[in-house]
Protein backbone atom coordinates (compact mmCIF):
# COMPACT_ATOMS: atom_id res chain seq x y z
CA MET A 1 -6.85 -135.85 1.05
CA SER A 2 -10.47 -135.08 1.80
CA GLN A 3 -11.44 -131.24 1.55
CA LEU A 4 -13.59 -129.57 4.07
CA ILE A 5 -15.62 -126.44 2.70
CA ASP A 6 -17.39 -124.09 5.06
CA VAL A 7 -20.88 -122.85 3.94
CA SER A 8 -22.17 -121.12 6.99
CA HIS A 9 -21.98 -117.33 7.91
CA THR A 10 -19.97 -116.05 10.74
CA ILE A 11 -21.91 -114.92 13.70
CA GLU A 12 -20.83 -111.23 14.75
CA HIS A 13 -21.89 -108.73 17.26
CA GLU A 14 -25.06 -106.73 16.25
CA MET A 15 -25.39 -108.73 13.00
CA ILE A 16 -28.96 -108.80 11.64
CA THR A 17 -30.03 -112.15 10.19
CA TYR A 18 -33.82 -111.38 9.60
CA LYS A 19 -35.39 -107.95 10.00
CA GLY A 20 -37.51 -107.41 13.02
CA LEU A 21 -35.49 -110.00 15.05
CA PRO A 22 -32.94 -108.85 17.48
CA ALA A 23 -29.22 -109.15 16.68
CA PRO A 24 -26.73 -111.01 18.87
CA ILE A 25 -25.08 -109.52 21.71
CA ILE A 26 -21.45 -110.78 22.12
CA CYS A 27 -19.29 -109.60 25.12
CA ASP A 28 -17.26 -110.75 27.94
CA TYR A 29 -18.62 -112.54 30.82
CA LEU A 30 -15.16 -112.82 32.33
CA SER A 31 -12.34 -110.79 30.47
CA ARG A 32 -8.88 -111.65 30.52
CA GLU A 33 -7.94 -108.56 32.53
CA HIS A 34 -10.40 -109.59 35.38
CA SER A 35 -9.42 -113.28 35.14
CA ARG A 36 -5.87 -112.34 36.26
CA GLN A 37 -7.30 -111.55 39.75
CA LEU A 38 -8.51 -115.18 39.92
CA TYR A 39 -5.57 -117.26 38.76
CA ALA A 40 -1.86 -117.57 39.35
CA PRO A 41 0.54 -114.90 37.77
CA GLY A 42 0.94 -115.32 34.10
CA THR A 43 -2.51 -117.41 33.86
CA GLU A 44 -5.45 -115.84 32.36
CA PHE A 45 -8.67 -117.01 30.62
CA HIS A 46 -11.53 -115.53 28.58
CA ILE A 47 -15.27 -116.58 29.13
CA GLY A 48 -17.55 -115.16 26.53
CA LYS A 49 -21.24 -114.45 26.71
CA ILE A 50 -23.63 -114.33 23.89
CA GLU A 51 -27.42 -113.39 24.00
CA MET A 52 -29.10 -114.27 20.74
CA ILE A 53 -32.33 -115.64 19.30
CA ALA A 54 -32.28 -119.07 17.72
CA ASN A 55 -32.63 -117.78 14.26
CA THR A 56 -29.14 -116.36 14.03
CA GLY A 57 -26.70 -116.78 11.17
CA THR A 58 -26.78 -119.99 9.36
CA TYR A 59 -29.28 -122.33 11.21
CA VAL A 60 -31.27 -125.63 11.06
CA ASP A 61 -34.86 -125.82 11.66
CA SER A 62 -36.34 -128.95 13.39
CA PRO A 63 -39.96 -130.07 13.21
CA PHE A 64 -40.56 -128.31 16.61
CA HIS A 65 -39.95 -125.06 14.94
CA ARG A 66 -43.29 -125.48 13.18
CA TYR A 67 -45.07 -128.06 14.98
CA GLU A 68 -45.73 -128.14 18.75
CA HIS A 69 -45.28 -131.87 19.04
CA GLY A 70 -42.56 -132.21 16.34
CA LYS A 71 -39.08 -133.35 17.23
CA ASP A 72 -36.86 -130.65 18.73
CA LEU A 73 -33.19 -130.37 18.30
CA SER A 74 -32.33 -132.75 21.13
CA GLN A 75 -34.51 -135.42 19.51
CA LEU A 76 -32.99 -135.15 15.92
CA PRO A 77 -30.65 -138.15 15.30
CA LEU A 78 -27.27 -137.25 14.17
CA SER A 79 -27.83 -139.42 11.16
CA SER A 80 -30.32 -136.64 9.90
CA LEU A 81 -27.82 -133.91 10.44
CA ALA A 82 -24.40 -135.32 9.63
CA ASN A 83 -22.48 -137.19 6.83
CA LEU A 84 -25.21 -136.92 4.48
CA GLN A 85 -24.88 -137.56 0.75
CA ALA A 86 -25.70 -134.32 -0.89
CA VAL A 87 -26.67 -132.57 -4.23
CA VAL A 88 -26.59 -128.86 -5.25
CA ILE A 89 -29.36 -127.50 -7.45
CA ARG A 90 -28.48 -124.33 -9.02
CA THR A 91 -30.71 -121.69 -10.28
CA ALA A 92 -30.66 -117.86 -10.56
CA GLU A 93 -34.33 -117.58 -10.67
CA ARG A 94 -36.31 -116.29 -7.63
CA VAL A 95 -39.19 -118.87 -7.68
CA VAL A 96 -37.78 -122.54 -7.25
CA ASP A 97 -40.34 -124.91 -8.64
CA VAL A 98 -40.58 -128.57 -9.57
CA ALA A 99 -39.02 -127.99 -12.92
CA HIS A 100 -35.68 -126.93 -11.21
CA LEU A 101 -35.75 -130.20 -9.14
CA GLN A 102 -36.49 -132.82 -11.80
CA GLY A 103 -33.71 -134.77 -13.15
CA HIS A 104 -31.76 -134.72 -9.90
CA GLN A 105 -31.22 -137.74 -7.85
CA VAL A 106 -32.40 -136.55 -4.36
CA ARG A 107 -33.56 -139.77 -2.70
CA GLY A 108 -31.68 -140.09 0.66
CA LYS A 109 -29.76 -136.81 0.10
CA ALA A 110 -29.49 -133.21 1.50
CA VAL A 111 -30.68 -130.92 -1.17
CA LEU A 112 -28.84 -127.74 -1.26
CA VAL A 113 -30.34 -124.99 -3.31
CA HIS A 114 -28.01 -122.57 -4.59
CA THR A 115 -29.36 -119.27 -5.74
CA GLY A 116 -26.44 -117.05 -5.32
CA TRP A 117 -28.56 -114.82 -2.90
CA SER A 118 -25.97 -115.06 -0.11
CA GLN A 119 -23.98 -112.54 -1.92
CA HIS A 120 -26.40 -109.83 -0.66
CA TRP A 121 -25.62 -111.04 3.10
CA ARG A 122 -25.64 -108.03 5.35
CA THR A 123 -27.16 -105.64 2.89
CA ASP A 124 -30.59 -104.31 2.63
CA GLN A 125 -31.27 -106.30 -0.52
CA TYR A 126 -30.95 -109.59 1.34
CA PHE A 127 -34.18 -108.99 2.90
CA GLU A 128 -36.33 -107.97 -0.06
CA GLY A 129 -37.53 -110.57 -2.81
CA ASN A 130 -35.58 -113.43 -1.60
CA PRO A 131 -35.55 -116.79 -3.58
CA TYR A 132 -37.79 -119.49 -2.29
CA LEU A 133 -39.16 -122.93 -2.63
CA THR A 134 -42.90 -123.31 -3.95
CA ALA A 135 -45.25 -125.62 -2.31
CA PRO A 136 -45.09 -128.03 -5.24
CA ALA A 137 -41.37 -127.97 -5.00
CA ALA A 138 -41.42 -128.91 -1.28
CA THR A 139 -43.85 -131.58 -1.85
CA TYR A 140 -41.79 -133.03 -4.73
CA LEU A 141 -38.74 -133.14 -2.61
CA ARG A 142 -40.57 -134.80 0.30
CA ASP A 143 -42.08 -137.43 -2.04
CA ALA A 144 -38.90 -137.89 -3.77
CA GLY A 145 -37.18 -138.86 -0.69
CA ALA A 146 -34.82 -135.88 0.37
CA VAL A 147 -33.65 -136.09 3.97
CA MET A 148 -32.79 -132.35 4.44
CA VAL A 149 -33.18 -129.22 2.35
CA GLY A 150 -31.07 -126.02 2.48
CA ILE A 151 -31.09 -122.83 0.67
CA ASP A 152 -28.53 -119.82 0.59
CA SER A 153 -31.39 -117.38 1.00
CA LEU A 154 -33.32 -115.37 3.72
CA ASN A 155 -36.02 -117.96 3.87
CA ILE A 156 -36.89 -121.32 2.25
CA ASP A 157 -40.46 -119.74 1.80
CA ASN A 158 -41.81 -116.63 0.33
CA THR A 159 -41.91 -114.33 3.22
CA ALA A 160 -45.19 -112.58 1.77
CA ASP A 161 -46.95 -116.05 2.30
CA PHE A 162 -47.81 -116.38 6.00
CA THR A 163 -48.76 -120.07 5.59
CA ARG A 164 -45.08 -120.86 5.07
CA PRO A 165 -45.75 -123.85 2.86
CA ALA A 166 -42.18 -125.11 2.38
CA HIS A 167 -41.68 -125.28 6.15
CA THR A 168 -45.15 -126.83 6.81
CA ILE A 169 -44.49 -129.45 4.18
CA LEU A 170 -40.92 -130.45 4.86
CA LEU A 171 -40.95 -130.12 8.72
CA GLY A 172 -44.28 -132.02 8.61
CA ALA A 173 -42.44 -134.85 7.04
CA GLY A 174 -39.60 -134.70 9.51
CA ILE A 175 -37.03 -133.26 7.07
CA PRO A 176 -34.77 -130.61 8.71
CA ILE A 177 -34.38 -127.30 6.89
CA VAL A 178 -31.22 -125.10 6.76
CA GLU A 179 -31.46 -121.52 5.82
CA HIS A 180 -28.83 -118.75 5.12
CA LEU A 181 -26.28 -121.00 3.59
CA THR A 182 -23.44 -119.37 1.80
CA ASN A 183 -20.54 -120.39 -0.37
CA LEU A 184 -22.50 -122.95 -2.29
CA HIS A 185 -20.76 -121.98 -5.54
CA THR A 186 -17.53 -123.61 -4.27
CA LEU A 187 -19.30 -127.05 -4.01
CA PRO A 188 -19.55 -129.71 -6.75
CA ASP A 189 -22.99 -130.62 -7.89
CA THR A 190 -22.64 -134.08 -6.24
CA ASN A 191 -20.31 -136.46 -4.79
CA PHE A 192 -19.82 -134.89 -1.35
CA ARG A 193 -21.18 -135.21 2.18
CA PHE A 194 -22.88 -132.54 4.15
CA PHE A 195 -22.92 -131.63 7.79
CA ALA A 196 -25.29 -129.14 9.66
CA VAL A 197 -25.15 -130.09 13.36
CA PRO A 198 -26.72 -127.78 16.01
CA VAL A 199 -26.26 -127.74 19.73
CA LYS A 200 -28.54 -130.47 21.37
CA VAL A 201 -31.16 -128.27 23.12
CA LYS A 202 -34.25 -129.50 24.42
CA ALA A 203 -37.58 -127.79 23.61
CA PHE A 204 -35.72 -125.62 21.00
CA GLY A 205 -36.80 -125.81 17.27
CA THR A 206 -34.00 -123.79 15.60
CA PHE A 207 -30.23 -123.23 16.43
CA PRO A 208 -27.17 -122.02 14.36
CA VAL A 209 -24.86 -124.50 12.75
CA ARG A 210 -21.41 -124.71 11.39
CA ALA A 211 -22.52 -126.12 8.16
CA PHE A 212 -19.88 -127.69 5.90
CA ALA A 213 -19.14 -130.10 3.07
CA LEU A 214 -16.70 -132.94 2.90
CA LEU A 215 -15.51 -133.48 -0.46
CA ASN A 216 -14.61 -136.89 -1.56
CA ASP A 217 -11.02 -138.02 -2.54
CA SER A 218 -10.56 -137.90 -6.18
C-alpha cells in the first residue's frame, strides 16, 4: 500500500512561527457545555475559533504574497499544489547555492530543501541564522523548471536581506513556496508525490497547509 508522510508542523495556541508576528489564539466559539443548552439531551457539539495571521505554521506563499497583481490563493490551480512529483535536496550548510542543486532532476517537480533546521522548531535558535536559498539558486530552480520550492527553515530567504531575492524570483515566475516544512528526513530523495494545499481564500497570498508526501508502492 502507498504510505502518507506528514511534513507539516502542528498549529497550537500561542505558538510563534516568526518573531515579531503574533501567535494564533485558539479558543471556543461554542463550547460543548454551552451547546447542551441548544440541542436535545445527550447531544453536544464544539465549534472552535482561531485568530491568526496567514504566516502561521507550515504555509504556502502564492505570487500575491510578493506581487500586488500576482495570483492569490484562490487563483492557484490544484495542479500547482497537489500530486506533484517531488525531489528532496539535502544539505547541512546554511547557504544553499547552485552547486547544491546541480545534478538533480527538478523539471516539473516540487523541490524540497532538507537542511535539518526544523529540529530547532519552537526554540530561540530557530529564529537565528536560518538556512536559505541564494538568488542564483532561486534563478537556477526557476530556469530548470521547478514548479514548487519548499524548505524546512524559517524563511527561504536570508532574513537579513530585505530584498528577499528567492521570494522575488520564484513568486515572480508563478512558483509557489512552502516554508517551515518538517520531517523531511523521513522522505526518500525521489519517487514520491507532494501535496501542500491551502484554503481557497481570495485576496490572500499565504495560508497554512497540511503538507504531506505520498510514497509510491514498492
